[in-house]
Amino acid sequence: MTNAAPRRQAKSQVTSGRRQRRPVPRELLELARQLAQVKQQARTLGIFTDDRELLECPSCGLLEDVTAGGVLVTYPNTSEEVSDSGLRFIPADESSFACPSCGTKVKAVIL
């Protein structure tokens, strides 16, 4: 039988029942700011940033799709030809959008 040395327990960051917050490194904060800026620029250019599921209106059938180039497009789900209608779902609140064709409120699944 071998005597294994007792394992040393890691120091806890818990003080009086609550975890202490570690400061976020400045470099990480700057990268997060840059990422947010790039995502906003992409949205401005019509590029889908993949932060929510694509939408489809349950009333009129208008749906979103993304081209191979990453551009967000919409067209009726009955359309044989996939060409952009130019319509865009309008943000109604944090988790829902209004259909630009019929006005129906569509709940978005945020990723």
N, C-alpha and C. Protein backbone atom coordinates (compact mmCIF):
# COMPACT_ATOMS: atom_id res chain seq x y z
N MET A 1 0.83 -1.17 0.00
CA MET A 1 0.00 0.00 0.00
C MET A 1 0.88 1.24 0.00
N THR A 2 0.56 2.15 -0.91
CA THR A 2 1.35 3.38 -0.97
C THR A 2 0.60 4.51 -0.30
N ASN A 3 1.34 5.36 0.30
CA ASN A 3 0.75 6.54 0.92
C ASN A 3 0.77 7.68 -0.08
N ALA A 4 -0.37 8.01 -0.59
CA ALA A 4 -0.45 9.14 -1.53
C ALA A 4 -0.46 10.42 -0.73
N ALA A 5 0.24 11.37 -1.25
CA ALA A 5 0.25 12.68 -0.58
C ALA A 5 -1.14 13.28 -0.66
N PRO A 6 -1.56 13.93 0.40
CA PRO A 6 -2.89 14.54 0.35
C PRO A 6 -2.94 15.61 -0.74
N ARG A 7 -4.06 15.64 -1.42
CA ARG A 7 -4.22 16.64 -2.48
C ARG A 7 -4.45 18.00 -1.87
N ARG A 8 -3.84 18.95 -2.49
CA ARG A 8 -3.99 20.31 -2.03
C ARG A 8 -5.25 20.90 -2.63
N GLN A 9 -6.06 21.49 -1.83
CA GLN A 9 -7.29 22.07 -2.35
C GLN A 9 -7.02 23.44 -2.94
N ALA A 10 -7.70 23.71 -4.05
CA ALA A 10 -7.55 25.01 -4.70
C ALA A 10 -8.13 26.10 -3.81
N LYS A 11 -7.50 27.25 -3.86
CA LYS A 11 -8.01 28.37 -3.08
C LYS A 11 -9.32 28.83 -3.67
N SER A 12 -10.25 29.06 -2.83
CA SER A 12 -11.58 29.49 -3.26
C SER A 12 -11.62 31.00 -3.39
N GLN A 13 -12.42 31.45 -4.32
CA GLN A 13 -12.64 32.87 -4.50
C GLN A 13 -13.89 33.31 -3.73
N VAL A 14 -14.36 32.45 -2.85
CA VAL A 14 -15.59 32.73 -2.12
C VAL A 14 -15.24 33.42 -0.80
N THR A 15 -15.85 34.55 -0.58
CA THR A 15 -15.67 35.28 0.66
C THR A 15 -17.05 35.56 1.24
N SER A 16 -17.24 35.17 2.43
CA SER A 16 -18.51 35.35 3.14
C SER A 16 -19.71 34.93 2.30
N GLY A 17 -19.59 33.77 1.66
CA GLY A 17 -20.71 33.21 0.92
C GLY A 17 -20.90 33.75 -0.49
N ARG A 18 -20.10 34.72 -0.91
CA ARG A 18 -20.25 35.29 -2.26
C ARG A 18 -18.92 35.24 -2.99
N ARG A 19 -19.01 34.98 -4.28
CA ARG A 19 -17.80 34.96 -5.10
C ARG A 19 -17.30 36.37 -5.31
N GLN A 20 -15.99 36.51 -5.24
CA GLN A 20 -15.40 37.81 -5.54
C GLN A 20 -15.32 37.97 -7.05
N ARG A 21 -15.61 39.16 -7.52
CA ARG A 21 -15.50 39.42 -8.95
C ARG A 21 -14.05 39.70 -9.31
N ARG A 22 -13.63 39.07 -10.37
CA ARG A 22 -12.30 39.35 -10.88
C ARG A 22 -12.45 40.43 -11.95
N PRO A 23 -11.56 41.37 -11.97
CA PRO A 23 -11.67 42.40 -13.01
C PRO A 23 -11.45 41.79 -14.39
N VAL A 24 -12.20 42.27 -15.35
CA VAL A 24 -12.06 41.80 -16.73
C VAL A 24 -10.85 42.52 -17.34
N PRO A 25 -9.95 41.77 -17.95
CA PRO A 25 -8.78 42.41 -18.54
C PRO A 25 -9.17 43.46 -19.59
N ARG A 26 -8.46 44.56 -19.62
CA ARG A 26 -8.75 45.64 -20.57
C ARG A 26 -8.74 45.16 -22.01
N GLU A 27 -7.81 44.25 -22.32
CA GLU A 27 -7.70 43.75 -23.69
C GLU A 27 -8.99 43.04 -24.11
N LEU A 28 -9.58 42.29 -23.17
CA LEU A 28 -10.82 41.57 -23.46
C LEU A 28 -11.98 42.54 -23.64
N LEU A 29 -12.03 43.57 -22.81
CA LEU A 29 -13.08 44.60 -22.97
C LEU A 29 -12.96 45.29 -24.32
N GLU A 30 -11.75 45.60 -24.73
CA GLU A 30 -11.54 46.28 -26.02
C GLU A 30 -11.95 45.36 -27.17
N LEU A 31 -11.63 44.08 -27.08
CA LEU A 31 -12.04 43.13 -28.12
C LEU A 31 -13.56 43.02 -28.19
N ALA A 32 -14.22 43.01 -27.04
CA ALA A 32 -15.69 42.95 -27.02
C ALA A 32 -16.29 44.19 -27.67
N ARG A 33 -15.71 45.37 -27.40
CA ARG A 33 -16.19 46.61 -28.03
C ARG A 33 -16.01 46.56 -29.54
N GLN A 34 -14.86 46.06 -29.98
CA GLN A 34 -14.58 45.96 -31.41
C GLN A 34 -15.55 44.99 -32.08
N LEU A 35 -15.82 43.87 -31.43
CA LEU A 35 -16.76 42.89 -31.98
C LEU A 35 -18.15 43.50 -32.12
N ALA A 36 -18.60 44.22 -31.11
CA ALA A 36 -19.91 44.87 -31.17
C ALA A 36 -19.96 45.87 -32.32
N GLN A 37 -18.87 46.58 -32.53
CA GLN A 37 -18.81 47.56 -33.62
C GLN A 37 -18.86 46.87 -34.98
N VAL A 38 -18.13 45.78 -35.13
CA VAL A 38 -18.13 45.03 -36.40
C VAL A 38 -19.51 44.45 -36.68
N LYS A 39 -20.17 43.91 -35.63
CA LYS A 39 -21.52 43.36 -35.82
C LYS A 39 -22.49 44.45 -36.25
N GLN A 40 -22.38 45.64 -35.69
CA GLN A 40 -23.25 46.75 -36.08
C GLN A 40 -22.99 47.15 -37.53
N GLN A 41 -21.74 47.19 -37.93
CA GLN A 41 -21.40 47.50 -39.32
C GLN A 41 -21.97 46.44 -40.25
N ALA A 42 -21.87 45.18 -39.87
CA ALA A 42 -22.40 44.09 -40.68
C ALA A 42 -23.92 44.23 -40.83
N ARG A 43 -24.62 44.53 -39.74
CA ARG A 43 -26.07 44.71 -39.81
C ARG A 43 -26.42 45.86 -40.74
N THR A 44 -25.66 46.95 -40.67
CA THR A 44 -25.89 48.11 -41.53
C THR A 44 -25.75 47.72 -43.01
N LEU A 45 -24.85 46.81 -43.30
CA LEU A 45 -24.65 46.35 -44.68
C LEU A 45 -25.64 45.27 -45.10
N GLY A 46 -26.52 44.86 -44.17
CA GLY A 46 -27.51 43.83 -44.49
C GLY A 46 -27.03 42.42 -44.27
N ILE A 47 -25.92 42.27 -43.60
CA ILE A 47 -25.37 40.94 -43.33
C ILE A 47 -26.00 40.39 -42.06
N PHE A 48 -26.43 39.14 -42.11
CA PHE A 48 -27.05 38.50 -40.94
C PHE A 48 -25.96 38.11 -39.97
N THR A 49 -26.07 38.55 -38.72
CA THR A 49 -25.01 38.33 -37.73
C THR A 49 -25.23 37.09 -36.88
N ASP A 50 -26.25 36.31 -37.18
CA ASP A 50 -26.46 35.01 -36.53
C ASP A 50 -26.64 35.11 -35.01
N ASP A 51 -27.30 36.17 -34.55
CA ASP A 51 -27.55 36.30 -33.12
C ASP A 51 -28.98 35.92 -32.74
N ARG A 52 -29.75 35.47 -33.73
CA ARG A 52 -31.11 34.99 -33.51
C ARG A 52 -31.48 34.05 -34.64
N GLU A 53 -32.55 33.29 -34.43
CA GLU A 53 -33.05 32.41 -35.49
C GLU A 53 -33.68 33.26 -36.60
N LEU A 54 -33.71 32.73 -37.79
CA LEU A 54 -34.38 33.41 -38.90
C LEU A 54 -35.89 33.41 -38.65
N LEU A 55 -36.56 34.44 -39.13
CA LEU A 55 -37.98 34.61 -38.85
C LEU A 55 -38.85 34.14 -40.00
N GLU A 56 -40.08 33.72 -39.67
CA GLU A 56 -41.12 33.42 -40.65
C GLU A 56 -42.45 33.85 -40.06
N CYS A 57 -43.18 34.64 -40.83
CA CYS A 57 -44.48 35.12 -40.37
C CYS A 57 -45.51 34.00 -40.47
N PRO A 58 -46.19 33.67 -39.37
CA PRO A 58 -47.21 32.61 -39.40
C PRO A 58 -48.48 33.04 -40.13
N SER A 59 -48.66 34.34 -40.32
CA SER A 59 -49.88 34.82 -40.98
C SER A 59 -49.76 34.87 -42.50
N CYS A 60 -48.73 35.55 -42.99
CA CYS A 60 -48.63 35.74 -44.44
C CYS A 60 -47.55 34.89 -45.10
N GLY A 61 -46.67 34.27 -44.29
CA GLY A 61 -45.66 33.37 -44.85
C GLY A 61 -44.38 34.05 -45.30
N LEU A 62 -44.22 35.35 -45.06
CA LEU A 62 -42.95 36.00 -45.41
C LEU A 62 -41.87 35.39 -44.53
N LEU A 63 -40.73 35.05 -45.13
CA LEU A 63 -39.67 34.44 -44.34
C LEU A 63 -38.33 35.06 -44.65
N GLU A 64 -37.43 34.91 -43.69
CA GLU A 64 -36.05 35.38 -43.87
C GLU A 64 -35.19 34.21 -44.32
N ASP A 65 -34.16 34.55 -45.06
CA ASP A 65 -33.17 33.58 -45.48
C ASP A 65 -31.85 34.32 -45.57
N VAL A 66 -30.77 33.58 -45.69
CA VAL A 66 -29.45 34.18 -45.82
C VAL A 66 -28.79 33.64 -47.07
N THR A 67 -28.26 34.54 -47.89
CA THR A 67 -27.57 34.12 -49.11
C THR A 67 -26.23 33.52 -48.76
N ALA A 68 -25.57 32.92 -49.74
CA ALA A 68 -24.24 32.34 -49.52
C ALA A 68 -23.25 33.41 -49.09
N GLY A 69 -23.51 34.66 -49.46
CA GLY A 69 -22.64 35.76 -49.06
C GLY A 69 -22.96 36.33 -47.69
N GLY A 70 -23.96 35.75 -47.00
CA GLY A 70 -24.31 36.19 -45.67
C GLY A 70 -25.32 37.32 -45.59
N VAL A 71 -25.88 37.70 -46.74
CA VAL A 71 -26.83 38.80 -46.78
C VAL A 71 -28.23 38.30 -46.44
N LEU A 72 -28.91 39.03 -45.57
CA LEU A 72 -30.27 38.69 -45.16
C LEU A 72 -31.25 39.09 -46.27
N VAL A 73 -32.13 38.16 -46.65
CA VAL A 73 -33.16 38.42 -47.66
C VAL A 73 -34.50 37.92 -47.13
N THR A 74 -35.58 38.43 -47.72
CA THR A 74 -36.92 37.94 -47.38
C THR A 74 -37.68 37.65 -48.66
N TYR A 75 -38.59 36.67 -48.57
CA TYR A 75 -39.45 36.33 -49.70
C TYR A 75 -40.61 35.50 -49.16
N PRO A 76 -41.71 35.42 -49.90
CA PRO A 76 -42.85 34.61 -49.45
C PRO A 76 -42.49 33.13 -49.48
N ASN A 77 -42.98 32.36 -48.51
CA ASN A 77 -42.65 30.94 -48.46
C ASN A 77 -43.28 30.16 -49.61
N THR A 78 -44.20 30.75 -50.34
CA THR A 78 -44.81 30.10 -51.49
C THR A 78 -44.08 30.43 -52.79
N SER A 79 -43.08 31.27 -52.72
CA SER A 79 -42.36 31.73 -53.91
C SER A 79 -41.53 30.59 -54.51
N GLU A 80 -41.67 30.41 -55.81
CA GLU A 80 -40.86 29.42 -56.51
C GLU A 80 -39.46 29.97 -56.75
N GLU A 81 -39.39 31.28 -56.93
CA GLU A 81 -38.11 31.93 -57.18
C GLU A 81 -37.67 32.63 -55.90
N VAL A 82 -36.46 32.35 -55.49
CA VAL A 82 -35.95 32.95 -54.27
C VAL A 82 -35.27 34.27 -54.62
N SER A 83 -36.07 35.33 -54.63
CA SER A 83 -35.50 36.65 -54.86
C SER A 83 -35.96 37.56 -53.73
N ASP A 84 -35.07 38.44 -53.31
CA ASP A 84 -35.31 39.30 -52.16
C ASP A 84 -36.47 40.25 -52.42
N SER A 85 -37.43 40.27 -51.50
CA SER A 85 -38.57 41.19 -51.61
C SER A 85 -38.18 42.60 -51.20
N GLY A 86 -37.05 42.72 -50.48
CA GLY A 86 -36.63 44.02 -49.98
C GLY A 86 -37.26 44.39 -48.64
N LEU A 87 -38.24 43.60 -48.20
CA LEU A 87 -38.89 43.87 -46.92
C LEU A 87 -38.02 43.33 -45.79
N ARG A 88 -38.05 43.99 -44.64
CA ARG A 88 -37.31 43.53 -43.48
C ARG A 88 -38.20 43.54 -42.26
N PHE A 89 -38.12 42.49 -41.45
CA PHE A 89 -38.87 42.44 -40.21
C PHE A 89 -38.40 43.59 -39.32
N ILE A 90 -39.34 44.23 -38.65
CA ILE A 90 -39.06 45.42 -37.87
C ILE A 90 -39.02 45.07 -36.39
N PRO A 91 -37.91 45.39 -35.70
CA PRO A 91 -37.85 45.10 -34.27
C PRO A 91 -39.00 45.78 -33.53
N ALA A 92 -39.74 44.99 -32.74
CA ALA A 92 -40.86 45.52 -31.96
C ALA A 92 -40.44 45.71 -30.51
N ASP A 93 -39.68 44.77 -29.99
CA ASP A 93 -39.11 44.86 -28.65
C ASP A 93 -37.89 43.95 -28.62
N GLU A 94 -37.40 43.61 -27.44
CA GLU A 94 -36.17 42.82 -27.33
C GLU A 94 -36.24 41.45 -27.97
N SER A 95 -37.43 40.85 -28.02
CA SER A 95 -37.49 39.46 -28.50
C SER A 95 -38.55 39.24 -29.57
N SER A 96 -39.10 40.29 -30.14
CA SER A 96 -40.09 40.07 -31.19
C SER A 96 -39.97 41.13 -32.28
N PHE A 97 -40.48 40.76 -33.45
CA PHE A 97 -40.40 41.60 -34.63
C PHE A 97 -41.79 41.70 -35.25
N ALA A 98 -42.03 42.78 -35.98
CA ALA A 98 -43.28 42.95 -36.71
C ALA A 98 -43.03 42.60 -38.17
N CYS A 99 -43.94 41.81 -38.74
CA CYS A 99 -43.83 41.46 -40.15
C CYS A 99 -44.05 42.73 -40.97
N PRO A 100 -43.17 43.02 -41.91
CA PRO A 100 -43.31 44.23 -42.71
C PRO A 100 -44.43 44.13 -43.74
N SER A 101 -44.91 42.91 -43.98
CA SER A 101 -45.95 42.70 -44.98
C SER A 101 -47.34 42.82 -44.39
N CYS A 102 -47.56 42.20 -43.22
CA CYS A 102 -48.91 42.18 -42.65
C CYS A 102 -49.00 42.74 -41.23
N GLY A 103 -47.86 43.02 -40.59
CA GLY A 103 -47.87 43.59 -39.26
C GLY A 103 -47.93 42.61 -38.10
N THR A 104 -48.02 41.31 -38.38
CA THR A 104 -48.09 40.31 -37.32
C THR A 104 -46.80 40.33 -36.49
N LYS A 105 -46.96 40.22 -35.17
CA LYS A 105 -45.83 40.20 -34.27
C LYS A 105 -45.26 38.77 -34.24
N VAL A 106 -43.95 38.63 -34.52
CA VAL A 106 -43.27 37.33 -34.58
C VAL A 106 -42.23 37.29 -33.49
N LYS A 107 -42.29 36.25 -32.63
CA LYS A 107 -41.32 36.11 -31.56
C LYS A 107 -40.03 35.52 -32.11
N ALA A 108 -38.91 36.14 -31.78
CA ALA A 108 -37.61 35.68 -32.24
C ALA A 108 -36.97 34.80 -31.18
N VAL A 109 -36.26 33.78 -31.62
CA VAL A 109 -35.47 32.95 -30.72
C VAL A 109 -34.06 33.54 -30.74
N ILE A 110 -33.69 34.15 -29.62
CA ILE A 110 -32.37 34.78 -29.51
C ILE A 110 -31.35 33.70 -29.16
N LEU A 111 -30.26 33.69 -29.91
CA LEU A 111 -29.21 32.68 -29.67
C LEU A 111 -28.15 33.19 -28.72
